[in-house]
Every structure is written in C-alpha cells, then in structure tokens.
C-alpha cells in the first residue's frame, strides 16, 4: 500500500522565537515518524504580510510541511497544531503534484565554453503554411 502525501501550511505568530518554531517542527516530524511516515520537505517562506489581520497581527511566518504517513497522521498533526499557542492558522491538503527531483548541474568539460552564455538563443521562425482555401459557392441567379 502506498502512503498518501499531505501538505500542511502553518502560519506562525511572528513574535514566536525561532527556536520554539524549530522545536515544534521537530515534534511534528516525530509524530509523522510514529505513523510510519516521513517528512519529505519543510519549506520556510519567512515573515509575510497577511491579506487581513488575524488576532490583531498583520504578519505571519509561513511554513509548509510536506509529509507522508499512515491513516491518522493528519488528525494527530492537526491536534498538536491546535494545542500549540504560537500558530495563527493552518491548512492541510492531500498533495497530488509530483515532486521534482533536484537536478545537479553537470560541470562542463575543461576547455569548453559554457553552454549558457546568458543570452537567449535566436529562434528560428516557423515555416509558414498557407491558409486552407474555402471553396466559394457561386451566387444563385436572381429570377425576375
């Protein structure tokens, strides 16, 4: 059986110390691991302006957590989020997009010029195809 992937967006209180935020994310990682899951990615967006004030705060620290786990992992993660005082909002969704593998940039062989010089390559124009002709029907003769 394949494990489902979930993504939880967490908006932390901007006044929460960084070490408390990191400690809470480590706790969530432990919860995910207890459900035979794995945290695939933690993406911190930093302090961003909110569209509208939440609890009289106009900014929040955005963190996205991508993880897998057995049944019940989302309920347990959200239960711990609700208990923690430093979170303004959260949202969990099933993650269906494919993860892009990190592409390592291959070093060019010694002596060769780099392939990308920073300027775009000139594009060749597409060959012009004539528009399909529509048959003309002769006008019906007018009867007098």
C-alpha atoms as a PDB file:
ATOM      1  CA  UNK A   1       0.000   0.000   0.000  1.00  0.00           C
ATOM      2  CA  UNK A   2       1.368   3.390  -0.947  1.00  0.00           C
ATOM      3  CA  UNK A   3       1.298   6.175   1.600  1.00  0.00           C
ATOM      4  CA  UNK A   4      -0.563   9.373   0.779  1.00  0.00           C
ATOM      5  CA  UNK A   5       1.302  12.659   0.719  1.00  0.00           C
ATOM      6  CA  UNK A   6      -0.024  15.609   2.682  1.00  0.00           C
ATOM      7  CA  UNK A   7       0.945  19.256   2.806  1.00  0.00           C
ATOM      8  CA  UNK A   8       0.248  21.372   5.857  1.00  0.00           C
ATOM      9  CA  UNK A   9       0.585  25.140   5.655  1.00  0.00           C
ATOM     10  CA  UNK A  10       1.283  26.666   9.069  1.00  0.00           C
ATOM     11  CA  UNK A  11       1.156  30.382   9.845  1.00  0.00           C
ATOM     12  CA  UNK A  12       3.210  31.009  12.978  1.00  0.00           C
ATOM     13  CA  UNK A  13       2.907  34.083  15.159  1.00  0.00           C
ATOM     14  CA  UNK A  14       5.685  36.457  14.003  1.00  0.00           C
ATOM     15  CA  UNK A  15       6.649  37.182  17.622  1.00  0.00           C
ATOM     16  CA  UNK A  16       7.318  33.468  18.307  1.00  0.00           C
ATOM     17  CA  UNK A  17      11.067  32.838  18.788  1.00  0.00           C
ATOM     18  CA  UNK A  18      12.771  30.877  16.039  1.00  0.00           C
ATOM     19  CA  UNK A  19      13.970  28.133  18.385  1.00  0.00           C
ATOM     20  CA  UNK A  20      10.395  27.485  19.592  1.00  0.00           C
ATOM     21  CA  UNK A  21       9.230  27.236  15.981  1.00  0.00           C
ATOM     22  CA  UNK A  22      12.042  24.822  15.062  1.00  0.00           C
ATOM     23  CA  UNK A  23      11.382  22.753  18.194  1.00  0.00           C
ATOM     24  CA  UNK A  24       7.694  22.438  17.270  1.00  0.00           C
ATOM     25  CA  UNK A  25       8.559  21.338  13.714  1.00  0.00           C
ATOM     26  CA  UNK A  26      10.884  18.665  15.140  1.00  0.00           C
ATOM     27  CA  UNK A  27       7.980  17.494  17.331  1.00  0.00           C
ATOM     28  CA  UNK A  28       5.742  17.269  14.250  1.00  0.00           C
ATOM     29  CA  UNK A  29       8.449  15.254  12.467  1.00  0.00           C
ATOM     30  CA  UNK A  30       8.446  12.808  15.367  1.00  0.00           C
ATOM     31  CA  UNK A  31       4.666  12.482  15.158  1.00  0.00           C
ATOM     32  CA  UNK A  32       4.851  11.777  11.428  1.00  0.00           C
ATOM     33  CA  UNK A  33       7.576   9.169  12.057  1.00  0.00           C
ATOM     34  CA  UNK A  34       5.391   7.454  14.686  1.00  0.00           C
ATOM     35  CA  UNK A  35       2.784   6.896  11.939  1.00  0.00           C
ATOM     36  CA  UNK A  36       5.432   5.204   9.751  1.00  0.00           C
ATOM     37  CA  UNK A  37       5.689   8.358   7.668  1.00  0.00           C
ATOM     38  CA  UNK A  38       8.425  10.686   6.602  1.00  0.00           C
ATOM     39  CA  UNK A  39       8.768  14.453   6.313  1.00  0.00           C
ATOM     40  CA  UNK A  40       9.682  14.938   2.661  1.00  0.00           C
ATOM     41  CA  UNK A  41      10.187  18.699   2.688  1.00  0.00           C
ATOM     42  CA  UNK A  42       9.992  21.655   5.059  1.00  0.00           C
ATOM     43  CA  UNK A  43       9.676  24.947   3.220  1.00  0.00           C
ATOM     44  CA  UNK A  44      10.012  28.177   5.222  1.00  0.00           C
ATOM     45  CA  UNK A  45       8.746  31.218   3.362  1.00  0.00           C
ATOM     46  CA  UNK A  46       9.614  33.580   6.170  1.00  0.00           C
ATOM     47  CA  UNK A  47       7.706  36.534   7.549  1.00  0.00           C
ATOM     48  CA  UNK A  48       4.979  37.652   5.118  1.00  0.00           C
ATOM     49  CA  UNK A  49       2.184  40.186   5.217  1.00  0.00           C
ATOM     50  CA  UNK A  50      -1.287  38.741   5.719  1.00  0.00           C
ATOM     51  CA  UNK A  51      -4.222  39.670   3.496  1.00  0.00           C
ATOM     52  CA  UNK A  52      -6.204  40.593   6.612  1.00  0.00           C
ATOM     53  CA  UNK A  53      -5.331  40.767  10.321  1.00  0.00           C
ATOM     54  CA  UNK A  54      -5.541  37.558  12.339  1.00  0.00           C
ATOM     55  CA  UNK A  55      -5.658  38.038  16.126  1.00  0.00           C
ATOM     56  CA  UNK A  56      -4.563  41.654  15.567  1.00  0.00           C
ATOM     57  CA  UNK A  57      -1.396  40.513  13.715  1.00  0.00           C
ATOM     58  CA  UNK A  58      -0.710  41.777  10.216  1.00  0.00           C
ATOM     59  CA  UNK A  59       2.268  39.446   9.518  1.00  0.00           C
ATOM     60  CA  UNK A  60       2.901  35.723   9.954  1.00  0.00           C
ATOM     61  CA  UNK A  61       5.798  33.316   9.484  1.00  0.00           C
ATOM     62  CA  UNK A  62       4.794  30.864   6.733  1.00  0.00           C
ATOM     63  CA  UNK A  63       5.986  27.245   6.849  1.00  0.00           C
ATOM     64  CA  UNK A  64       4.909  24.414   4.562  1.00  0.00           C
ATOM     65  CA  UNK A  65       5.371  20.806   5.673  1.00  0.00           C
ATOM     66  CA  UNK A  66       5.187  18.015   3.064  1.00  0.00           C
ATOM     67  CA  UNK A  67       4.930  14.534   4.563  1.00  0.00           C
ATOM     68  CA  UNK A  68       3.598  11.006   4.187  1.00  0.00           C
ATOM     69  CA  UNK A  69       2.060   8.706   6.753  1.00  0.00           C
ATOM     70  CA  UNK A  70      -0.449   6.035   7.639  1.00  0.00           C
ATOM     71  CA  UNK A  71      -4.079   6.655   8.495  1.00  0.00           C
ATOM     72  CA  UNK A  72      -4.483   9.081  11.378  1.00  0.00           C
ATOM     73  CA  UNK A  73      -1.311  11.087  10.797  1.00  0.00           C
ATOM     74  CA  UNK A  74      -3.202  14.214   9.680  1.00  0.00           C
ATOM     75  CA  UNK A  75      -5.541  14.096  12.674  1.00  0.00           C
ATOM     76  CA  UNK A  76      -2.616  13.809  15.086  1.00  0.00           C
ATOM     77  CA  UNK A  77      -0.608  16.583  13.394  1.00  0.00           C
ATOM     78  CA  UNK A  78      -3.612  18.912  13.431  1.00  0.00           C
ATOM     79  CA  UNK A  79      -4.400  18.040  17.060  1.00  0.00           C
ATOM     80  CA  UNK A  80      -0.891  19.129  18.069  1.00  0.00           C
ATOM     81  CA  UNK A  81      -1.167  22.270  15.951  1.00  0.00           C
ATOM     82  CA  UNK A  82      -4.396  23.233  17.724  1.00  0.00           C
ATOM     83  CA  UNK A  83      -2.770  22.736  21.134  1.00  0.00           C
ATOM     84  CA  UNK A  84       0.291  24.866  20.310  1.00  0.00           C
ATOM     85  CA  UNK A  85      -0.280  28.539  21.181  1.00  0.00           C
ATOM     86  CA  UNK A  86       2.034  30.133  18.588  1.00  0.00           C
ATOM     87  CA  UNK A  87       0.043  29.262  15.456  1.00  0.00           C
ATOM     88  CA  UNK A  88      -2.370  31.706  13.841  1.00  0.00           C
ATOM     89  CA  UNK A  89      -3.774  29.450  11.080  1.00  0.00           C
ATOM     90  CA  UNK A  90      -3.148  26.092   9.443  1.00  0.00           C
ATOM     91  CA  UNK A  91      -4.446  24.154   6.448  1.00  0.00           C
ATOM     92  CA  UNK A  92      -3.799  20.553   5.420  1.00  0.00           C
ATOM     93  CA  UNK A  93      -4.346  19.243   1.905  1.00  0.00           C
ATOM     94  CA  UNK A  94      -3.656  15.994   0.081  1.00  0.00           C
ATOM     95  CA  UNK A  95      -0.610  16.650  -2.090  1.00  0.00           C
ATOM     96  CA  UNK A  96      -1.104  15.263  -5.596  1.00  0.00           C
ATOM     97  CA  UNK A  97       1.605  17.077  -7.581  1.00  0.00           C
ATOM     98  CA  UNK A  98       4.739  15.173  -8.449  1.00  0.00           C
ATOM     99  CA  UNK A  99       7.922  16.148  -6.646  1.00  0.00           C
ATOM    100  CA  UNK A 100      10.628  17.384  -8.975  1.00  0.00           C
ATOM    101  CA  UNK A 101      13.953  15.684  -8.306  1.00  0.00           C
ATOM    102  CA  UNK A 102      16.799  18.041  -7.654  1.00  0.00           C
ATOM    103  CA  UNK A 103      18.841  18.297 -10.852  1.00  0.00           C
ATOM    104  CA  UNK A 104      22.542  18.552 -10.253  1.00  0.00           C
ATOM    105  CA  UNK A 105      24.159  20.923 -12.742  1.00  0.00           C
ATOM    106  CA  UNK A 106      26.808  18.970 -14.600  1.00  0.00           C
ATOM    107  CA  UNK A 107      30.125  20.787 -14.780  1.00  0.00           C
ATOM    108  CA  UNK A 108      31.163  21.491 -18.392  1.00  0.00           C
ATOM    109  CA  UNK A 109      34.315  19.684 -19.550  1.00  0.00           C
ATOM    110  CA  UNK A 110      37.529  21.652 -19.134  1.00  0.00           C
ATOM    111  CA  UNK A 111      38.362  23.908 -22.082  1.00  0.00           C
ATOM    112  CA  UNK A 112      34.801  24.144 -23.378  1.00  0.00           C
ATOM    113  CA  UNK A 113      32.816  27.350 -23.269  1.00  0.00           C
ATOM    114  CA  UNK A 114      29.756  27.294 -21.035  1.00  0.00           C
ATOM    115  CA  UNK A 115      26.607  26.272 -22.895  1.00  0.00           C
ATOM    116  CA  UNK A 116      24.513  29.097 -21.482  1.00  0.00           C
ATOM    117  CA  UNK A 117      26.092  32.485 -22.057  1.00  0.00           C
ATOM    118  CA  UNK A 118      23.156  34.329 -20.501  1.00  0.00           C
ATOM    119  CA  UNK A 119      21.686  35.479 -23.810  1.00  0.00           C
ATOM    120  CA  UNK A 120      18.792  33.599 -25.331  1.00  0.00           C
ATOM    121  CA  UNK A 121      19.447  31.596 -28.472  1.00  0.00           C
ATOM    122  CA  UNK A 122      17.990  33.097 -31.632  1.00  0.00           C
ATOM    123  CA  UNK A 123      14.735  31.435 -32.514  1.00  0.00           C
ATOM    124  CA  UNK A 124      14.136  30.141 -35.998  1.00  0.00           C
ATOM    125  CA  UNK A 125      10.821  31.244 -37.431  1.00  0.00           C
ATOM    126  CA  UNK A 126       8.281  28.514 -38.040  1.00  0.00           C
ATOM    127  CA  UNK A 127       7.702  27.756 -41.715  1.00  0.00           C
ATOM    128  CA  UNK A 128       4.625  29.493 -42.977  1.00  0.00           C
ATOM    129  CA  UNK A 129       1.825  27.243 -44.103  1.00  0.00           C
ATOM    130  CA  UNK A 130      -0.748  28.580 -46.487  1.00  0.00           C
ATOM    131  CA  UNK A 131      -4.214  29.001 -45.073  1.00  0.00           C
ATOM    132  CA  UNK A 132      -6.621  26.352 -46.318  1.00  0.00           C
ATOM    133  CA  UNK A 133      -8.792  27.675 -49.085  1.00  0.00           C
ATOM    134  CA  UNK A 134     -12.507  27.607 -48.568  1.00  0.00           C
ATOM    135  CA  UNK A 135     -14.497  26.732 -51.637  1.00  0.00           C
ATOM    136  CA  UNK A 136     -16.554  29.621 -52.968  1.00  0.00           C
ATOM    137  CA  UNK A 137     -20.096  28.756 -53.961  1.00  0.00           C
ATOM    138  CA  UNK A 138     -21.437  30.724 -56.914  1.00  0.00           C
ATOM    139  CA  UNK A 139     -24.252  33.102 -56.153  1.00  0.00           C
ATOM    140  CA  UNK A 140     -27.677  31.852 -57.139  1.00  0.00           C
ATOM    141  CA  UNK A 141     -29.059  33.655 -60.180  1.00  0.00           C
ATOM    142  CA  UNK A 142     -31.735  36.139 -59.368  1.00  0.00           C
ATOM    143  CA  UNK A 143     -35.071  35.445 -61.002  1.00  0.00           C
ATOM    144  CA  UNK A 144     -37.015  38.364 -62.311  1.00  0.00           C
END
